[in-house]
Amino acid sequence: MLFKNKDQLISNGQTSELKKIRTDILEIYNSAINAVDPYKVVKRHFNKNNILIKGQSIDLSNFDNIFLAAFGKASVGMSQAVCDSVEIKDGIVITNDTENKVNNNNVHTFVGGHPIPNENSYIGAEKIQELIRQCDENDLLIVLISGGGSALLTYPRVELKYLQYTTNLLLKSGADINDINTVRKHLSYVKGGQLVKNAKCKIISLIISDIIGDPLGFISSGPTYLDSTTYLDAKEILKKYNLIEKIPESVKQVIYNGLYGNIPETPKKDDPIFKKVTNIIIANNNLACEAAKKRAEDLGYKTLLLTTSLDGEAKDIGGYLVEKVNNYNFQGMNIAFISGGETTVTIKGNGVGGRNQEMVLSTVKIIAGKNIVFSSFATDGIDGTCNAAGAIVDGFTLERSNQKNIDPIDFLNDNNSFEFFKKLGDYFITGPTGTNVMDLQIIIKYR
């Protein structure tokens, strides 16, 4: 079972029915994560010595050598699937997984930093660039991309400490991932298509998406895909979030040098390099939501998939989802409402937490006394700045919090959702799941 504190989460249900519903919710999440298991979703694209891409089978024996570059939270599982399928001459993997590495003597693993890049993020990116320079025209480079790659693959145009500072400002500003990655691309030598701009070989990128709509140019900041954004876009984003006067001078200088043409723009759609590159999405939030829906139906629930494009301020979205659930006429049946996406949190307090826990916390008073169970889960197993992966509440949660003399609104205002759920024992603990397809919400409305 994915959840290390399963027994505690179930026992917090105040009735036998709630205990069963909590059990079912954990089972549904478990099925969703299994559906986007990085090893499985990559392995299905290999058949003997062929790789299956967009309906075509490519014979890998036609290449002199096969190289591997991987970065992101799912990179270990994805890379292992490739190594178990074909012979790799040389490979570099950058992950945030401190416990696992790829079992192959030709593949070297670096543990980078997320969401703030560290020195290994830089060293790993440098090694990947060296690897690409080794590739000749009749070689193949397999690139494995997954969520978190923007931080884990880092080769900045400024000192690392200044990129770290700027990244932290952006993460706290409430900026969405597309805005953050637009700035990242223009402070980098490898993002926004730049990783492959000098490659001589054919490149196949297998991608697990962690962004709404699966935009290839923004997942891990699009290192193998043409860039539609500009230095002007990056400047406007920094202005939008009132950061232009807060960023380090060297960062500002890069942005303005790009605006003045002193630094070349990122590769655009007419760049011939992209004729050598094939990018394919192999797993995403929709796949996880569909698996969750199927498992809920197997457990006897009527199901409704609300959306796989959920965004906005987390504390507002919680109430929005509950309102949709309340307005649905379920005619005596237990219904599982499923949604996915990625919300944001504008940090104004001093607490600890993440967008999933904040969303759930915002619903405690709204569902008090109602036959509703609300939960939200980060598919990578890490929600914000703590070791929780999300949280769960039901109609008794407010009563239980009152008994402990803790007010959910106080914790919400301080962005301190983790401490609230820690006191109640209603946070999810999984550890890193080895994958990342944004977030899932499962809401049960019962008779």
Protein backbone atom coordinates (compact mmCIF):
# COMPACT_ATOMS: atom_id res chain seq x y z
CA MET A 1 0.00 0.00 0.00
CA LEU A 2 1.20 3.45 -0.96
CA PHE A 3 0.18 5.12 2.31
CA LYS A 4 2.49 4.50 5.26
CA ASN A 5 -0.06 5.80 7.78
CA LYS A 6 -3.02 3.93 6.30
CA ASP A 7 -4.26 2.52 9.63
CA GLN A 8 -4.28 5.94 11.29
CA LEU A 9 -6.12 7.58 8.39
CA ILE A 10 -8.80 4.88 8.42
CA SER A 11 -9.23 4.84 12.19
CA ASN A 12 -9.88 8.60 12.18
CA GLY A 13 -13.22 7.87 10.53
CA GLN A 14 -15.84 8.41 13.23
CA THR A 15 -18.29 5.79 11.92
CA SER A 16 -17.93 2.40 10.26
CA GLU A 17 -19.15 3.94 6.98
CA LEU A 18 -16.51 6.66 7.11
CA LYS A 19 -13.83 4.09 7.84
CA LYS A 20 -14.84 2.21 4.70
CA ILE A 21 -14.93 5.37 2.58
CA ARG A 22 -11.48 6.40 3.80
CA THR A 23 -10.22 2.92 2.96
CA ASP A 24 -11.72 3.17 -0.51
CA ILE A 25 -10.17 6.60 -1.14
CA LEU A 26 -6.71 5.24 -0.33
CA GLU A 27 -7.32 2.30 -2.68
CA ILE A 28 -8.40 4.64 -5.46
CA TYR A 29 -5.28 6.79 -5.10
CA ASN A 30 -3.16 3.66 -5.09
CA SER A 31 -4.64 2.56 -8.42
CA ALA A 32 -4.07 6.01 -9.91
CA ILE A 33 -0.38 5.95 -9.01
CA ASN A 34 0.02 2.42 -10.37
CA ALA A 35 -1.38 3.63 -13.71
CA VAL A 36 1.39 6.22 -14.06
CA ASP A 37 4.21 4.06 -12.73
CA PRO A 38 7.27 5.34 -14.62
CA TYR A 39 8.77 1.92 -15.25
CA LYS A 40 5.55 0.53 -16.71
CA VAL A 41 4.69 3.50 -18.93
CA VAL A 42 8.17 3.50 -20.48
CA LYS A 43 8.48 -0.30 -20.81
CA ARG A 44 5.32 -0.55 -22.88
CA HIS A 45 7.06 1.44 -25.63
CA PHE A 46 9.76 -1.23 -26.11
CA ASN A 47 9.35 -4.54 -27.90
CA LYS A 48 12.51 -6.63 -28.19
CA ASN A 49 14.98 -4.28 -29.91
CA ASN A 50 12.33 -1.87 -31.17
CA ILE A 51 10.90 1.31 -29.73
CA LEU A 52 7.27 2.09 -30.48
CA ILE A 53 6.72 5.78 -31.17
CA LYS A 54 3.52 7.34 -32.49
CA GLY A 55 2.35 4.12 -34.09
CA GLN A 56 5.71 3.35 -35.68
CA SER A 57 8.24 0.72 -34.70
CA ILE A 58 11.86 1.93 -34.87
CA ASP A 59 14.54 -0.76 -35.08
CA LEU A 60 17.19 0.27 -32.56
CA SER A 61 19.81 -1.99 -34.16
CA ASN A 62 20.05 0.61 -36.93
CA PHE A 63 21.88 2.96 -34.58
CA ASP A 64 25.58 2.67 -33.75
CA ASN A 65 25.12 3.61 -30.09
CA ILE A 66 22.26 4.49 -27.77
CA PHE A 67 22.76 7.17 -25.12
CA LEU A 68 20.46 8.08 -22.24
CA ALA A 69 19.74 11.40 -20.51
CA ALA A 70 17.04 11.57 -17.82
CA PHE A 71 15.91 14.22 -15.37
CA GLY A 72 12.89 14.59 -13.14
CA LYS A 73 11.19 12.91 -10.21
CA ALA A 74 10.37 9.81 -12.29
CA SER A 75 13.80 9.52 -13.91
CA VAL A 76 15.03 6.47 -12.00
CA GLY A 77 12.05 4.26 -12.85
CA MET A 78 11.92 5.53 -16.43
CA SER A 79 15.65 4.95 -16.92
CA GLN A 80 15.54 1.46 -15.46
CA ALA A 81 12.86 0.51 -17.98
CA VAL A 82 15.09 1.68 -20.85
CA CYS A 83 18.15 -0.09 -19.45
CA ASP A 84 16.17 -3.32 -19.08
CA SER A 85 15.10 -3.05 -22.74
CA VAL A 86 18.17 -1.94 -24.72
CA GLU A 87 21.94 -1.64 -24.38
CA ILE A 88 23.01 1.83 -23.25
CA LYS A 89 26.52 3.02 -24.10
CA ASP A 90 26.46 5.91 -21.63
CA GLY A 91 23.82 7.62 -19.54
CA ILE A 92 23.24 10.40 -17.03
CA VAL A 93 20.27 10.54 -14.63
CA ILE A 94 19.37 13.48 -12.39
CA THR A 95 16.79 12.67 -9.73
CA ASN A 96 15.63 13.87 -6.33
CA ASP A 97 15.40 10.26 -5.11
CA THR A 98 17.99 9.77 -2.37
CA GLU A 99 17.30 6.06 -1.95
CA ASN A 100 17.28 4.58 -5.47
CA LYS A 101 19.53 4.69 -8.48
CA VAL A 102 19.57 3.00 -11.87
CA ASN A 103 21.00 -0.51 -11.89
CA ASN A 104 23.35 -0.20 -14.85
CA ASN A 105 27.10 0.29 -14.79
CA ASN A 106 26.98 2.63 -17.79
CA VAL A 107 24.44 4.97 -16.22
CA HIS A 108 25.48 7.54 -13.62
CA THR A 109 22.99 9.01 -11.15
CA PHE A 110 23.07 12.48 -9.59
CA VAL A 111 20.77 13.58 -6.77
CA GLY A 112 19.74 17.13 -7.54
CA GLY A 113 17.65 19.62 -5.57
CA HIS A 114 13.92 20.23 -5.82
CA PRO A 115 12.16 22.65 -5.94
CA ILE A 116 15.34 24.68 -5.45
CA PRO A 117 18.24 23.40 -7.59
CA ASN A 118 21.48 22.40 -5.91
CA GLU A 119 25.09 21.86 -7.00
CA ASN A 120 24.31 18.35 -8.27
CA SER A 121 21.57 19.79 -10.48
CA TYR A 122 24.29 21.87 -12.12
CA ILE A 123 26.89 19.09 -12.29
CA GLY A 124 24.37 16.63 -13.73
CA ALA A 125 23.32 19.12 -16.40
CA GLU A 126 26.95 19.69 -17.31
CA LYS A 127 27.47 15.93 -17.63
CA ILE A 128 24.40 15.62 -19.89
CA GLN A 129 25.79 18.32 -22.16
CA GLU A 130 29.08 16.41 -22.35
CA LEU A 131 27.13 13.25 -23.18
CA ILE A 132 25.28 14.96 -26.03
CA ARG A 133 28.59 16.15 -27.48
CA GLN A 134 29.67 12.49 -27.67
CA CYS A 135 26.71 11.53 -29.87
CA ASP A 136 27.45 11.12 -33.58
CA GLU A 137 25.03 11.31 -36.50
CA ASN A 138 24.17 7.62 -36.45
CA ASP A 139 23.61 7.46 -32.70
CA LEU A 140 20.34 7.74 -30.79
CA LEU A 141 19.80 9.81 -27.67
CA ILE A 142 16.83 8.80 -25.53
CA VAL A 143 15.77 11.64 -23.26
CA LEU A 144 13.46 10.88 -20.34
CA ILE A 145 11.64 13.91 -18.94
CA SER A 146 9.35 14.14 -15.92
CA GLY A 147 8.04 16.66 -13.43
CA GLY A 148 10.67 18.41 -11.36
CA GLY A 149 13.10 18.47 -14.26
CA SER A 150 13.22 22.27 -14.30
CA ALA A 151 15.01 22.28 -10.95
CA LEU A 152 16.91 19.04 -11.39
CA LEU A 153 18.39 20.00 -14.79
CA THR A 154 20.07 23.35 -14.10
CA TYR A 155 22.79 25.10 -16.09
CA PRO A 156 22.17 28.78 -15.37
CA ARG A 157 23.46 31.97 -16.96
CA VAL A 158 24.00 33.36 -13.45
CA GLU A 159 25.67 32.02 -10.32
CA LEU A 160 23.67 29.16 -8.81
CA LYS A 161 22.97 31.08 -5.60
CA TYR A 162 21.27 33.87 -7.56
CA LEU A 163 19.13 31.38 -9.49
CA GLN A 164 18.18 29.72 -6.19
CA TYR A 165 17.14 33.05 -4.72
CA THR A 166 15.09 33.98 -7.80
CA THR A 167 13.42 30.55 -7.91
CA ASN A 168 12.41 30.89 -4.27
CA LEU A 169 10.87 34.31 -4.95
CA LEU A 170 8.85 32.91 -7.85
CA LEU A 171 7.63 29.88 -5.87
CA LYS A 172 6.33 32.11 -3.08
CA SER A 173 4.74 34.68 -5.39
CA GLY A 174 1.73 32.61 -6.43
CA ALA A 175 3.01 32.35 -10.01
CA ASP A 176 1.79 29.32 -11.96
CA ILE A 177 4.22 26.79 -13.38
CA ASN A 178 4.10 28.18 -16.93
CA ASP A 179 5.12 31.62 -15.71
CA ILE A 180 7.85 30.21 -13.49
CA ASN A 181 9.24 28.10 -16.31
CA THR A 182 9.20 31.01 -18.75
CA VAL A 183 11.61 32.86 -16.46
CA ARG A 184 13.67 29.71 -15.87
CA LYS A 185 14.10 29.17 -19.62
CA HIS A 186 15.60 32.60 -20.10
CA LEU A 187 18.08 32.23 -17.28
CA SER A 188 19.35 28.90 -18.63
CA TYR A 189 21.70 27.42 -21.21
CA VAL A 190 19.70 24.15 -21.47
CA LYS A 191 15.98 24.92 -21.10
CA GLY A 192 13.62 26.07 -23.84
CA GLY A 193 15.03 23.75 -26.51
CA GLN A 194 18.63 24.72 -25.81
CA LEU A 195 19.70 21.31 -24.50
CA VAL A 196 19.62 19.80 -27.99
CA LYS A 197 20.46 22.81 -30.15
CA ASN A 198 23.92 21.45 -31.09
CA ALA A 199 23.07 17.74 -31.16
CA LYS A 200 24.14 15.73 -34.22
CA CYS A 201 22.09 12.59 -33.49
CA LYS A 202 18.42 11.60 -33.58
CA ILE A 203 16.63 12.29 -30.30
CA ILE A 204 13.53 10.62 -28.83
CA SER A 205 12.06 12.23 -25.70
CA LEU A 206 9.62 10.23 -23.60
CA ILE A 207 7.76 12.58 -21.28
CA ILE A 208 5.61 12.20 -18.17
CA SER A 209 3.62 15.42 -17.99
CA ASP A 210 3.12 17.38 -14.79
CA ILE A 211 1.46 20.43 -16.37
CA ILE A 212 -2.15 21.07 -17.31
CA GLY A 213 -2.74 20.46 -21.01
CA ASP A 214 0.64 18.71 -21.50
CA PRO A 215 2.42 21.69 -23.15
CA LEU A 216 5.72 20.30 -24.41
CA GLY A 217 7.42 23.68 -24.19
CA PHE A 218 6.81 23.98 -20.44
CA ILE A 219 7.18 20.46 -18.99
CA SER A 220 10.58 20.62 -17.25
CA SER A 221 10.94 23.94 -19.11
CA GLY A 222 10.96 22.21 -22.51
CA PRO A 223 14.67 21.35 -22.96
CA THR A 224 14.03 19.33 -26.15
CA TYR A 225 11.20 21.39 -27.61
CA LEU A 226 10.94 24.72 -29.43
CA ASP A 227 10.26 27.72 -27.21
CA SER A 228 7.30 30.01 -27.78
CA THR A 229 8.33 32.48 -25.06
CA THR A 230 10.76 35.40 -25.10
CA TYR A 231 12.92 37.54 -22.83
CA LEU A 232 10.15 40.12 -22.96
CA ASP A 233 7.71 37.53 -21.60
CA ALA A 234 10.13 36.75 -18.77
CA LYS A 235 10.45 40.44 -17.90
CA GLU A 236 6.67 40.95 -17.91
CA ILE A 237 6.17 37.96 -15.61
CA LEU A 238 8.68 39.33 -13.11
CA LYS A 239 6.85 42.66 -13.22
CA LYS A 240 3.45 40.94 -12.87
CA TYR A 241 4.47 39.39 -9.55
CA ASN A 242 6.31 42.52 -8.34
CA LEU A 243 9.69 40.79 -8.46
CA ILE A 244 11.64 42.90 -10.94
CA GLU A 245 13.14 45.03 -8.15
CA LYS A 246 13.66 42.05 -5.84
CA ILE A 247 15.68 39.76 -8.09
CA PRO A 248 19.50 39.85 -7.96
CA GLU A 249 21.20 42.35 -10.26
CA SER A 250 22.89 39.60 -12.29
CA VAL A 251 19.50 38.01 -13.03
CA LYS A 252 18.08 41.34 -14.12
CA GLN A 253 21.13 41.88 -16.32
CA VAL A 254 20.54 38.58 -18.17
CA ILE A 255 16.91 39.48 -18.85
CA TYR A 256 17.82 42.91 -20.20
CA ASN A 257 20.74 41.57 -22.23
CA GLY A 258 18.28 39.20 -23.85
CA LEU A 259 15.86 42.04 -24.54
CA TYR A 260 18.64 44.07 -26.19
CA GLY A 261 19.75 41.12 -28.34
CA ASN A 262 23.07 40.63 -26.57
CA ILE A 263 22.00 37.07 -25.71
CA PRO A 264 20.37 34.94 -28.42
CA GLU A 265 16.72 34.01 -27.99
CA THR A 266 15.77 30.42 -27.23
CA PRO A 267 15.26 28.20 -30.34
CA LYS A 268 11.98 28.80 -32.16
CA LYS A 269 9.81 26.70 -34.48
CA ASP A 270 11.90 27.34 -37.60
CA ASP A 271 15.07 25.95 -35.99
CA PRO A 272 16.17 22.89 -38.05
CA ILE A 273 17.36 21.02 -34.95
CA PHE A 274 13.80 20.06 -34.12
CA LYS A 275 13.58 17.92 -37.28
CA LYS A 276 15.84 15.47 -35.42
CA VAL A 277 13.72 15.43 -32.26
CA THR A 278 10.57 13.43 -31.48
CA ASN A 279 8.73 14.31 -28.27
CA ILE A 280 5.95 12.05 -26.95
CA ILE A 281 3.77 12.21 -23.83
CA ILE A 282 3.60 8.75 -22.27
CA ALA A 283 1.69 9.53 -19.04
CA ASN A 284 -0.26 12.44 -17.60
CA ASN A 285 -2.90 13.49 -15.10
CA ASN A 286 -5.70 12.28 -17.34
CA LEU A 287 -4.31 8.73 -17.26
CA ALA A 288 -4.21 8.81 -13.45
CA CYS A 289 -7.74 10.24 -13.20
CA GLU A 290 -9.16 7.61 -15.53
CA ALA A 291 -7.54 4.86 -13.45
CA ALA A 292 -8.99 6.43 -10.30
CA LYS A 293 -12.42 6.54 -11.92
CA LYS A 294 -12.27 2.88 -12.91
CA ARG A 295 -11.18 1.78 -9.43
CA ALA A 296 -13.97 3.80 -7.81
CA GLU A 297 -16.49 2.12 -10.10
CA ASP A 298 -15.06 -1.30 -9.19
CA LEU A 299 -15.64 -0.40 -5.53
CA GLY A 300 -19.30 0.31 -6.25
CA TYR A 301 -19.39 4.10 -6.60
CA LYS A 302 -21.13 6.09 -9.24
CA THR A 303 -18.37 8.31 -10.60
CA LEU A 304 -18.03 11.76 -12.10
CA LEU A 305 -14.77 13.11 -13.51
CA LEU A 306 -15.03 16.84 -12.89
CA THR A 307 -11.85 18.03 -14.64
CA THR A 308 -8.19 17.26 -15.25
CA SER A 309 -7.39 20.98 -15.61
CA LEU A 310 -7.92 22.28 -12.09
CA ASP A 311 -5.99 25.47 -11.34
CA GLY A 312 -6.28 28.65 -9.29
CA GLU A 313 -5.65 29.56 -5.67
CA ALA A 314 -5.85 26.37 -3.59
CA LYS A 315 -7.96 27.79 -0.75
CA ASP A 316 -10.55 29.07 -3.24
CA ILE A 317 -10.67 25.89 -5.31
CA GLY A 318 -11.60 23.77 -2.29
CA GLY A 319 -14.86 25.68 -1.81
CA TYR A 320 -15.51 25.63 -5.55
CA LEU A 321 -15.29 21.83 -5.67
CA VAL A 322 -17.53 21.37 -2.63
CA GLU A 323 -20.12 23.65 -4.22
CA LYS A 324 -20.13 21.49 -7.35
CA VAL A 325 -20.57 18.37 -5.23
CA ASN A 326 -23.39 19.94 -3.19
CA ASN A 327 -25.29 20.94 -6.32
CA TYR A 328 -25.23 17.43 -7.76
CA ASN A 329 -28.35 15.31 -7.27
CA PHE A 330 -27.03 11.86 -6.47
CA GLN A 331 -30.41 10.15 -5.99
CA GLY A 332 -29.49 7.89 -3.12
CA MET A 333 -26.15 6.67 -4.49
CA ASN A 334 -22.65 7.10 -3.15
CA ILE A 335 -20.70 9.16 -5.68
CA ALA A 336 -16.95 9.54 -6.16
CA PHE A 337 -16.08 12.91 -7.70
CA ILE A 338 -12.61 12.90 -9.24
CA SER A 339 -10.54 15.84 -10.42
CA GLY A 340 -6.95 16.64 -11.23
CA GLY A 341 -4.67 19.54 -12.01
CA GLU A 342 -2.41 21.86 -10.07
CA THR A 343 -3.38 24.82 -7.93
CA THR A 344 -1.15 27.52 -6.46
CA VAL A 345 -0.63 29.08 -3.05
CA THR A 346 0.23 32.73 -2.49
CA ILE A 347 2.20 32.57 0.74
CA LYS A 348 1.31 35.27 3.23
CA GLY A 349 1.81 33.41 6.49
CA ASN A 350 4.74 31.73 8.21
CA GLY A 351 3.45 28.17 8.37
CA VAL A 352 4.34 24.89 6.71
CA GLY A 353 2.24 23.05 4.15
CA GLY A 354 1.40 22.69 0.49
CA ARG A 355 -1.33 23.33 -2.04
CA ASN A 356 -3.12 20.01 -1.48
CA GLN A 357 -3.32 20.38 2.28
CA GLU A 358 -4.31 24.04 1.95
CA MET A 359 -7.14 23.13 -0.41
CA VAL A 360 -8.43 20.45 1.95
CA LEU A 361 -8.08 22.72 4.99
CA SER A 362 -10.21 25.37 3.28
CA THR A 363 -13.17 22.94 3.23
CA VAL A 364 -13.26 21.92 6.90
CA LYS A 365 -15.97 24.38 7.92
CA ILE A 366 -17.82 24.10 4.61
CA ILE A 367 -18.44 20.35 4.90
CA ALA A 368 -18.95 20.27 8.69
CA GLY A 369 -21.92 17.98 9.46
CA LYS A 370 -22.31 16.97 5.79
CA ASN A 371 -21.99 13.50 4.27
CA ILE A 372 -18.90 14.51 2.32
CA VAL A 373 -15.31 13.29 2.47
CA PHE A 374 -12.80 15.61 0.75
CA SER A 375 -9.20 14.70 -0.08
CA SER A 376 -6.37 15.95 -2.25
CA PHE A 377 -3.10 14.18 -3.06
CA ALA A 378 0.21 15.19 -4.67
CA THR A 379 1.12 12.34 -7.01
CA ASP A 380 4.84 12.80 -6.37
CA GLY A 381 4.27 12.20 -2.65
CA ILE A 382 5.53 15.66 -1.67
CA ASP A 383 3.13 18.51 -0.98
CA GLY A 384 4.89 21.84 -0.67
CA THR A 385 7.44 22.32 2.10
CA CYS A 386 6.75 19.26 4.24
CA ASN A 387 6.88 15.47 4.16
CA ALA A 388 3.12 15.05 3.70
CA ALA A 389 1.53 14.26 0.34
CA GLY A 390 -1.91 15.76 0.98
CA ALA A 391 -4.78 15.39 3.43
CA ILE A 392 -8.32 14.18 4.03
CA VAL A 393 -11.31 15.65 5.93
CA ASP A 394 -14.93 14.70 6.53
CA GLY A 395 -18.05 16.07 8.20
CA PHE A 396 -16.62 15.33 11.68
CA THR A 397 -13.27 17.08 11.17
CA LEU A 398 -14.42 20.43 12.54
CA GLU A 399 -15.81 18.76 15.64
CA ARG A 400 -12.53 16.93 16.18
CA SER A 401 -10.53 20.15 15.72
CA ASN A 402 -12.77 21.97 18.20
CA GLN A 403 -12.08 19.25 20.74
CA LYS A 404 -8.37 19.99 20.32
CA ASN A 405 -9.04 23.74 20.49
CA ILE A 406 -7.58 24.43 17.05
CA ASP A 407 -9.29 26.67 14.51
CA PRO A 408 -8.84 25.71 10.84
CA ILE A 409 -9.17 29.34 9.73
CA ASP A 410 -6.23 30.40 11.90
CA PHE A 411 -4.06 27.73 10.31
CA LEU A 412 -5.32 28.60 6.82
CA ASN A 413 -4.46 32.28 7.26
CA ASP A 414 -0.95 31.33 8.35
CA ASN A 415 -0.46 28.89 5.44
CA ASN A 416 0.08 26.29 8.15
CA SER A 417 -1.99 23.38 6.84
CA PHE A 418 0.62 20.75 7.69
CA GLU A 419 0.54 21.54 11.41
CA PHE A 420 -3.26 21.42 11.44
CA PHE A 421 -3.41 17.98 9.85
CA LYS A 422 -0.48 16.74 11.91
CA LYS A 423 -2.46 17.46 15.06
CA LEU A 424 -5.43 15.48 13.70
CA GLY A 425 -3.41 12.71 12.05
CA ASP A 426 -5.20 13.29 8.74
CA TYR A 427 -2.26 13.99 6.45
CA PHE A 428 -1.05 11.52 3.82
CA ILE A 429 2.42 10.06 4.26
CA THR A 430 3.83 8.14 1.29
CA GLY A 431 7.35 9.37 0.74
CA PRO A 432 8.44 10.07 -2.86
CA THR A 433 6.31 7.98 -5.23
CA GLY A 434 8.82 8.05 -8.08
CA THR A 435 6.34 9.68 -10.45
CA ASN A 436 4.64 13.06 -10.90
CA VAL A 437 1.45 13.91 -12.80
CA MET A 438 0.31 16.90 -10.71
CA ASP A 439 -2.44 16.45 -8.11
CA LEU A 440 -5.61 14.40 -7.69
CA GLN A 441 -8.75 15.09 -5.67
CA ILE A 442 -11.23 12.43 -4.62
CA ILE A 443 -14.44 13.65 -3.02
CA ILE A 444 -17.05 11.18 -1.83
CA LYS A 445 -20.66 12.22 -1.29
CA TYR A 446 -22.51 9.46 0.51
CA ARG A 447 -26.05 8.68 1.57
